[in-house]
């Protein structure tokens, strides 16, 4: 009797499970012309330490090339099905059909016969992101398929994160087209020396970016948060991890071990001997930060050596509070915005009192100038 009762319950469970599976099969067509296919394009190009998050990177062969896709079916009455068509499906570029390369993925999905589908995507790809719902101002989150947020800890994955969506799509035999936008702000710099006299030269040893607490260097930016794939908005999660950064001519270009305070990044040179010379952060040594407001001072510091004919070399360190450079007049804060590149121009002089920093904040393809001079040492 107990065996019969157990068999009955097993049969009921099988019927329930097959009913759920049947809902998915009934809602979709399995004909090849109804496969869900993709196209992708990155709106603005920029480098990251893991590579270049542009069309070339997306189509590349690295482990995180391509993009992740979440897809949710929406009934004709606008209610969202608990069954996700795609749950961080890895879409990547390869020869899927045997005769040409294209976007594809392993677990083929088909268009529903009715209703519509909302697609949400991010890149570079990672297996970690799930759709979650942030709670209590981002202090924690719960996994929730109806949400459109993903968690992004930039200290664990310091990449140029991009996002896109395509909502309300229906079976039209057309590809789902993603136009990716940059989710982060980018920081980089260049170094020049415009007033060298004959025979003078400057050798750059190191550039640092940091905050100060109790006369010690500490990290600068909140490094974790929740990205809304619906609109690109962020909810910060200050998980206690903040890095300060250094760039050296011998740096690791963002790769290799970090010393607990942030990676050692790379300068693409060290010598300035005429006004046309320029030193940049390496193309793989930009830093990318989650959009956020800064109210406390944070400093860009450069150490360099001045060489003069017939004289001993002079080592110089100058720094600038970037809050003074970036904040708008009449305010006590600055804002790092998503999709903006903040390029700092370090103009050095053999006489350090004439060294200065300017900056321009721009979209990654449109300049918006915001120049502020500074003339000081050690402020």
Protein backbone atom coordinates (compact mmCIF):
# COMPACT_ATOMS: atom_id res chain seq x y z
CA UNK A 1 0.00 0.00 0.00
CA UNK A 2 2.79 2.37 0.90
CA UNK A 3 4.45 1.45 -2.38
CA UNK A 4 1.29 2.26 -4.35
CA UNK A 5 0.91 5.58 -2.55
CA UNK A 6 4.54 6.42 -3.32
CA UNK A 7 4.06 5.48 -6.98
CA UNK A 8 0.97 7.70 -7.13
CA UNK A 9 2.92 10.69 -5.80
CA UNK A 10 5.74 10.03 -8.25
CA UNK A 11 3.21 9.91 -11.10
CA UNK A 12 1.65 13.23 -9.99
CA UNK A 13 5.12 14.82 -9.80
CA UNK A 14 5.93 13.60 -13.29
CA UNK A 15 2.67 15.03 -14.61
CA UNK A 16 3.35 18.41 -12.98
CA UNK A 17 6.88 18.55 -14.34
CA UNK A 18 5.82 17.49 -17.82
CA UNK A 19 3.07 20.11 -17.67
CA UNK A 20 5.66 22.81 -16.93
CA UNK A 21 7.86 21.54 -19.75
CA UNK A 22 4.84 21.37 -21.99
CA UNK A 23 4.18 25.08 -21.38
CA UNK A 24 7.62 25.92 -22.78
CA UNK A 25 7.21 23.62 -25.78
CA UNK A 26 3.70 24.87 -26.49
CA UNK A 27 4.81 28.49 -26.42
CA UNK A 28 7.61 28.04 -28.92
CA UNK A 29 8.07 26.69 -32.41
CA UNK A 30 11.00 24.40 -33.11
CA UNK A 31 11.31 25.13 -36.83
CA UNK A 32 14.75 26.38 -37.88
CA UNK A 33 13.25 29.58 -39.31
CA UNK A 34 11.99 30.44 -35.81
CA UNK A 35 15.36 30.28 -34.06
CA UNK A 36 16.25 33.38 -32.02
CA UNK A 37 19.40 34.92 -33.54
CA UNK A 38 21.48 37.98 -32.67
CA UNK A 39 23.49 40.91 -34.00
CA UNK A 40 25.67 43.14 -31.79
CA UNK A 41 27.41 46.50 -32.04
CA UNK A 42 29.29 48.55 -29.44
CA UNK A 43 28.19 52.18 -29.49
CA UNK A 44 31.52 53.72 -28.36
CA UNK A 45 34.91 52.09 -28.30
CA UNK A 46 37.32 52.11 -25.38
CA UNK A 47 40.12 49.96 -24.03
CA UNK A 48 39.98 47.90 -20.89
CA UNK A 49 42.62 45.92 -19.09
CA UNK A 50 41.06 42.70 -20.38
CA UNK A 51 41.03 43.88 -23.98
CA UNK A 52 39.05 46.28 -26.14
CA UNK A 53 35.31 46.14 -25.62
CA UNK A 54 34.37 46.91 -29.19
CA UNK A 55 33.09 44.80 -32.06
CA UNK A 56 36.52 43.21 -32.53
CA UNK A 57 36.70 42.21 -28.89
CA UNK A 58 33.15 40.84 -28.86
CA UNK A 59 33.96 38.65 -31.86
CA UNK A 60 37.35 37.59 -30.48
CA UNK A 61 38.51 34.28 -29.09
CA UNK A 62 39.19 35.19 -25.46
CA UNK A 63 37.31 33.37 -22.70
CA UNK A 64 35.11 36.40 -21.99
CA UNK A 65 34.43 37.47 -25.59
CA UNK A 66 30.83 37.63 -26.72
CA UNK A 67 28.00 38.62 -24.39
CA UNK A 68 25.52 37.21 -21.90
CA UNK A 69 21.78 37.33 -22.59
CA UNK A 70 18.75 37.16 -20.32
CA UNK A 71 15.44 36.66 -22.14
CA UNK A 72 11.97 36.74 -20.57
CA UNK A 73 8.72 35.74 -22.23
CA UNK A 74 5.80 38.12 -21.81
CA UNK A 75 2.24 36.90 -22.34
CA UNK A 76 -0.24 38.82 -24.47
CA UNK A 77 -1.75 40.23 -21.24
CA UNK A 78 1.72 41.68 -20.38
CA UNK A 79 2.31 39.28 -17.47
CA UNK A 80 5.84 37.86 -17.34
CA UNK A 81 6.26 34.11 -17.51
CA UNK A 82 8.25 32.52 -14.66
CA UNK A 83 10.04 30.49 -17.34
CA UNK A 84 13.11 32.34 -18.68
CA UNK A 85 13.93 31.68 -22.31
CA UNK A 86 17.58 32.56 -21.62
CA UNK A 87 19.40 32.86 -18.31
CA UNK A 88 22.84 34.38 -18.97
CA UNK A 89 23.15 32.51 -22.25
CA UNK A 90 26.65 32.98 -23.69
CA UNK A 91 26.37 34.32 -27.25
CA UNK A 92 29.66 34.31 -29.11
CA UNK A 93 31.17 34.49 -32.58
CA UNK A 94 32.28 31.34 -34.39
CA UNK A 95 31.65 29.18 -37.42
CA UNK A 96 28.35 27.60 -36.34
CA UNK A 97 27.01 26.43 -39.71
CA UNK A 98 30.22 25.17 -41.25
CA UNK A 99 30.57 27.81 -43.96
CA UNK A 100 30.79 31.24 -42.25
CA UNK A 101 31.16 32.86 -38.83
CA UNK A 102 28.17 34.30 -37.04
CA UNK A 103 26.70 34.99 -33.62
CA UNK A 104 25.37 31.85 -31.96
CA UNK A 105 24.87 29.98 -28.71
CA UNK A 106 24.70 26.40 -27.49
CA UNK A 107 21.13 26.05 -26.21
CA UNK A 108 18.97 27.01 -29.18
CA UNK A 109 15.79 28.89 -28.32
CA UNK A 110 12.76 29.58 -30.53
CA UNK A 111 10.31 32.42 -30.83
CA UNK A 112 7.00 32.05 -28.98
CA UNK A 113 3.97 31.73 -31.23
CA UNK A 114 2.33 34.61 -29.37
CA UNK A 115 3.29 37.25 -26.83
CA UNK A 116 6.70 38.93 -26.88
CA UNK A 117 10.21 38.62 -25.47
CA UNK A 118 12.35 41.14 -23.57
CA UNK A 119 16.11 40.67 -24.05
CA UNK A 120 18.83 42.06 -21.73
CA UNK A 121 22.55 41.72 -22.45
CA UNK A 122 25.96 42.58 -21.01
CA UNK A 123 29.61 42.15 -22.04
CA UNK A 124 32.32 41.00 -21.57
CA UNK A 125 30.76 37.65 -20.74
CA UNK A 126 30.97 36.06 -17.31
CA UNK A 127 29.11 33.09 -15.89
CA UNK A 128 28.57 34.89 -12.58
CA UNK A 129 25.83 37.51 -13.22
CA UNK A 130 22.26 36.65 -12.33
CA UNK A 131 19.16 38.82 -12.33
CA UNK A 132 18.81 40.09 -8.78
CA UNK A 133 16.72 42.59 -6.88
CA UNK A 134 18.77 44.99 -4.67
CA UNK A 135 17.33 45.60 -1.21
CA UNK A 136 17.95 48.22 1.48
CA UNK A 137 19.82 50.64 -0.80
CA UNK A 138 21.99 47.90 -2.25
CA UNK A 139 23.16 46.39 1.05
CA UNK A 140 22.03 42.98 -0.18
CA UNK A 141 20.08 41.43 -3.02
CA UNK A 142 17.93 38.41 -3.73
CA UNK A 143 17.82 36.45 -6.96
CA UNK A 144 14.68 37.42 -8.82
CA UNK A 145 13.97 36.60 -12.50
CA UNK A 146 11.57 39.55 -12.84
CA UNK A 147 14.33 42.02 -11.94
CA UNK A 148 16.63 43.68 -14.48
CA UNK A 149 19.67 44.25 -12.21
CA UNK A 150 22.97 42.37 -12.26
CA UNK A 151 25.66 42.60 -9.57
CA UNK A 152 29.07 43.86 -10.70
CA UNK A 153 32.12 43.80 -8.36
CA UNK A 154 34.72 45.70 -10.40
CA UNK A 155 37.53 44.65 -8.05
CA UNK A 156 36.87 41.05 -9.10
CA UNK A 157 36.37 41.90 -12.78
CA UNK A 158 38.08 45.19 -13.75
CA UNK A 159 36.70 45.36 -17.30
CA UNK A 160 34.98 47.83 -19.60
CA UNK A 161 31.39 46.73 -18.88
CA UNK A 162 28.76 47.39 -21.56
CA UNK A 163 25.01 46.73 -21.62
CA UNK A 164 22.06 46.66 -24.01
CA UNK A 165 18.45 45.56 -24.26
CA UNK A 166 15.85 44.83 -26.92
CA UNK A 167 12.33 44.76 -25.52
CA UNK A 168 8.97 43.63 -26.82
CA UNK A 169 10.41 41.57 -29.64
CA UNK A 170 8.15 39.16 -31.51
CA UNK A 171 8.55 36.46 -34.11
CA UNK A 172 9.45 38.34 -37.30
CA UNK A 173 12.32 36.13 -38.52
CA UNK A 174 14.62 39.11 -37.90
CA UNK A 175 17.66 39.09 -35.68
CA UNK A 176 17.64 40.61 -32.23
CA UNK A 177 19.98 43.60 -32.55
CA UNK A 178 21.91 44.87 -29.53
CA UNK A 179 23.61 48.28 -29.51
CA UNK A 180 25.82 48.21 -26.43
CA UNK A 181 26.48 51.29 -24.30
CA UNK A 182 29.30 51.79 -21.80
CA UNK A 183 28.17 51.35 -18.21
CA UNK A 184 31.26 52.80 -16.54
CA UNK A 185 33.39 55.95 -16.50
CA UNK A 186 36.93 55.78 -17.86
CA UNK A 187 40.01 57.52 -16.43
CA UNK A 188 43.24 58.03 -18.32
CA UNK A 189 45.94 60.67 -18.76
CA UNK A 190 48.80 62.00 -20.83
CA UNK A 191 52.03 63.70 -19.73
CA UNK A 192 53.94 66.42 -21.59
CA UNK A 193 56.67 69.00 -20.86
CA UNK A 194 56.29 72.12 -22.96
CA UNK A 195 58.91 74.53 -21.55
CA UNK A 196 62.15 72.55 -21.59
CA UNK A 197 65.31 74.51 -22.41
CA UNK A 198 68.19 73.12 -24.48
CA UNK A 199 69.52 69.92 -22.99
CA UNK A 200 66.87 69.62 -20.28
CA UNK A 201 64.81 66.45 -19.99
CA UNK A 202 62.30 64.89 -17.63
CA UNK A 203 62.06 61.22 -16.71
CA UNK A 204 58.78 60.06 -15.18
CA UNK A 205 59.02 57.46 -12.41
CA UNK A 206 55.42 57.04 -11.23
CA UNK A 207 51.89 58.41 -11.31
CA UNK A 208 49.52 57.70 -8.39
CA UNK A 209 45.80 58.15 -7.78
CA UNK A 210 44.61 57.94 -4.16
CA UNK A 211 42.71 59.36 -1.20
CA UNK A 212 44.28 60.16 2.17
CA UNK A 213 43.27 59.08 5.67
CA UNK A 214 45.44 59.61 8.77
CA UNK A 215 48.33 60.58 6.48
CA UNK A 216 48.12 57.22 4.67
CA UNK A 217 47.16 56.49 1.08
CA UNK A 218 43.82 54.73 0.80
CA UNK A 219 41.55 53.63 -2.04
CA UNK A 220 39.47 56.03 -4.09
CA UNK A 221 36.26 54.60 -5.55
CA UNK A 222 33.37 52.37 -4.51
CA UNK A 223 34.04 49.22 -6.53
CA UNK A 224 30.77 47.26 -6.49
CA UNK A 225 27.20 47.93 -7.46
CA UNK A 226 24.05 46.81 -9.25
CA UNK A 227 23.64 47.71 -12.92
CA UNK A 228 20.09 48.04 -14.24
CA UNK A 229 20.01 46.49 -17.72
CA UNK A 230 16.76 48.35 -18.29
CA UNK A 231 18.31 51.84 -18.40
CA UNK A 232 21.98 51.76 -17.33
CA UNK A 233 21.35 53.17 -13.84
CA UNK A 234 23.41 52.03 -10.86
CA UNK A 235 22.85 51.30 -7.17
CA UNK A 236 26.20 51.38 -5.35
CA UNK A 237 27.29 48.68 -2.91
CA UNK A 238 30.21 49.89 -0.82
CA UNK A 239 31.64 46.48 0.04
CA UNK A 240 34.64 47.99 1.81
CA UNK A 241 37.07 47.32 -1.04
CA UNK A 242 38.68 50.38 -2.60
CA UNK A 243 41.92 50.50 -4.55
CA UNK A 244 44.47 53.19 -5.03
CA UNK A 245 46.38 53.06 -8.29
CA UNK A 246 49.90 53.55 -9.57
CA UNK A 247 51.32 53.69 -13.09
CA UNK A 248 55.01 53.03 -13.84
CA UNK A 249 57.01 52.52 -17.04
CA UNK A 250 57.71 49.01 -15.76
CA UNK A 251 54.11 48.32 -14.68
CA UNK A 252 52.26 45.09 -15.41
CA UNK A 253 49.68 46.70 -17.70
CA UNK A 254 46.92 45.69 -15.33
CA UNK A 255 47.86 42.03 -15.34
CA UNK A 256 49.60 39.95 -12.71
CA UNK A 257 49.23 39.99 -8.92
CA UNK A 258 47.92 42.94 -7.00
CA UNK A 259 49.35 43.98 -3.68
CA UNK A 260 46.04 44.49 -1.94
CA UNK A 261 45.87 48.16 -2.81
CA UNK A 262 45.17 47.88 -6.53
CA UNK A 263 47.05 46.71 -9.62
CA UNK A 264 50.28 48.31 -10.78
CA UNK A 265 49.49 49.79 -14.17
CA UNK A 266 51.75 50.79 -17.03
CA UNK A 267 53.02 53.99 -18.67
CA UNK A 268 53.90 53.68 -22.36
CA UNK A 269 57.17 55.60 -21.87
CA UNK A 270 59.24 57.57 -19.36
CA UNK A 271 61.30 60.25 -21.19
CA UNK A 272 60.31 63.80 -22.15
CA UNK A 273 63.08 65.70 -23.96
CA UNK A 274 61.16 68.03 -26.31
CA UNK A 275 57.69 69.64 -26.48
CA UNK A 276 56.43 67.00 -28.92
CA UNK A 277 57.12 64.06 -26.60
CA UNK A 278 54.10 62.58 -24.84
CA UNK A 279 53.65 59.78 -22.32
CA UNK A 280 50.27 58.07 -21.92
CA UNK A 281 48.85 55.41 -19.74
CA UNK A 282 49.13 52.19 -21.73
CA UNK A 283 46.03 51.34 -23.81
CA UNK A 284 45.43 48.44 -21.40
CA UNK A 285 45.98 50.57 -18.30
CA UNK A 286 42.95 52.80 -18.21
CA UNK A 287 40.84 52.39 -15.10
CA UNK A 288 37.07 51.96 -15.25
CA UNK A 289 34.88 53.02 -12.36
CA UNK A 290 31.24 52.62 -11.47
CA UNK A 291 29.45 55.99 -11.86
CA UNK A 292 29.49 57.78 -8.51
CA UNK A 293 29.71 61.07 -6.69
CA UNK A 294 32.95 62.16 -5.01
CA UNK A 295 32.95 64.64 -2.13
CA UNK A 296 36.25 63.90 -0.38
CA UNK A 297 39.60 65.06 -1.81
CA UNK A 298 41.43 62.59 -4.06
CA UNK A 299 44.82 63.19 -5.56
CA UNK A 300 46.74 62.62 -8.78
CA UNK A 301 50.45 62.62 -7.94
CA UNK A 302 53.45 62.36 -10.24
CA UNK A 303 57.10 61.79 -9.39
CA UNK A 304 59.72 62.72 -11.99
CA UNK A 305 63.40 63.56 -12.33
CA UNK A 306 64.74 66.70 -14.03
CA UNK A 307 68.06 66.36 -15.86
CA UNK A 308 70.13 69.46 -16.77
CA UNK A 309 73.49 69.50 -18.56
CA UNK A 310 76.36 69.68 -16.12
CA UNK A 311 74.12 69.49 -13.03
CA UNK A 312 72.98 66.71 -10.75
CA UNK A 313 69.48 65.38 -11.33
CA UNK A 314 66.58 66.77 -9.30
CA UNK A 315 63.76 64.51 -8.12
CA UNK A 316 60.36 66.21 -7.93
CA UNK A 317 56.92 65.14 -6.68
CA UNK A 318 53.83 67.23 -7.41
CA UNK A 319 50.17 66.44 -6.81
CA UNK A 320 46.74 67.90 -7.39
CA UNK A 321 43.41 67.46 -5.63
CA UNK A 322 41.21 66.33 -8.52
CA UNK A 323 38.08 67.36 -6.66
CA UNK A 324 39.21 70.96 -7.27
CA UNK A 325 39.74 70.18 -10.96
CA UNK A 326 36.42 68.41 -11.59
CA UNK A 327 33.82 70.04 -9.35
CA UNK A 328 31.63 72.73 -10.85
CA UNK A 329 31.91 76.26 -9.42
CA UNK A 330 29.81 76.72 -6.30
CA UNK A 331 29.65 72.98 -5.53
CA UNK A 332 31.65 70.74 -3.20
CA UNK A 333 31.44 67.51 -5.21
CA UNK A 334 32.04 66.05 -8.64
CA UNK A 335 30.25 63.29 -10.50
CA UNK A 336 31.75 60.52 -12.59
CA UNK A 337 29.16 59.64 -15.22
CA UNK A 338 28.68 56.45 -17.22
CA UNK A 339 29.90 56.58 -20.80
CA UNK A 340 32.24 59.52 -20.07
CA UNK A 341 36.02 59.45 -20.46
CA UNK A 342 37.96 61.66 -18.03
CA UNK A 343 41.34 62.44 -19.57
CA UNK A 344 43.80 64.28 -17.37
CA UNK A 345 46.62 66.27 -18.98
CA UNK A 346 49.72 66.50 -16.79
CA UNK A 347 51.88 69.36 -18.01
CA UNK A 348 55.27 69.15 -16.30
CA UNK A 349 57.97 71.77 -15.90
CA UNK A 350 61.59 71.63 -14.70
CA UNK A 351 60.41 74.22 -12.18
CA UNK A 352 57.70 72.24 -10.34
CA UNK A 353 55.74 75.33 -9.33
CA UNK A 354 54.81 75.68 -13.01
CA UNK A 355 53.57 72.09 -13.39
CA UNK A 356 49.82 71.82 -13.76
CA UNK A 357 46.92 69.47 -14.43
CA UNK A 358 43.97 70.05 -16.75
CA UNK A 359 41.19 67.70 -17.73
CA UNK A 360 38.46 67.22 -20.26
CA UNK A 361 35.46 65.01 -19.62
CA UNK A 362 33.96 63.69 -22.82
CA UNK A 363 31.74 61.04 -24.25
CA UNK A 364 33.96 58.41 -25.76
CA UNK A 365 33.44 60.04 -29.14
CA UNK A 366 32.39 63.65 -28.35
CA UNK A 367 34.56 66.22 -26.54
CA UNK A 368 33.14 68.27 -23.65
CA UNK A 369 35.89 70.55 -22.34
CA UNK A 370 36.25 71.35 -18.64
CA UNK A 371 39.76 72.75 -18.11
CA UNK A 372 40.97 74.01 -14.74
CA UNK A 373 44.66 74.94 -14.12
CA UNK A 374 46.63 74.14 -11.01
CA UNK A 375 50.00 75.55 -9.97
CA UNK A 376 51.32 74.06 -6.79
CA UNK A 377 53.34 71.38 -5.06
CA UNK A 378 51.92 69.09 -2.42
CA UNK A 379 48.53 70.68 -1.83
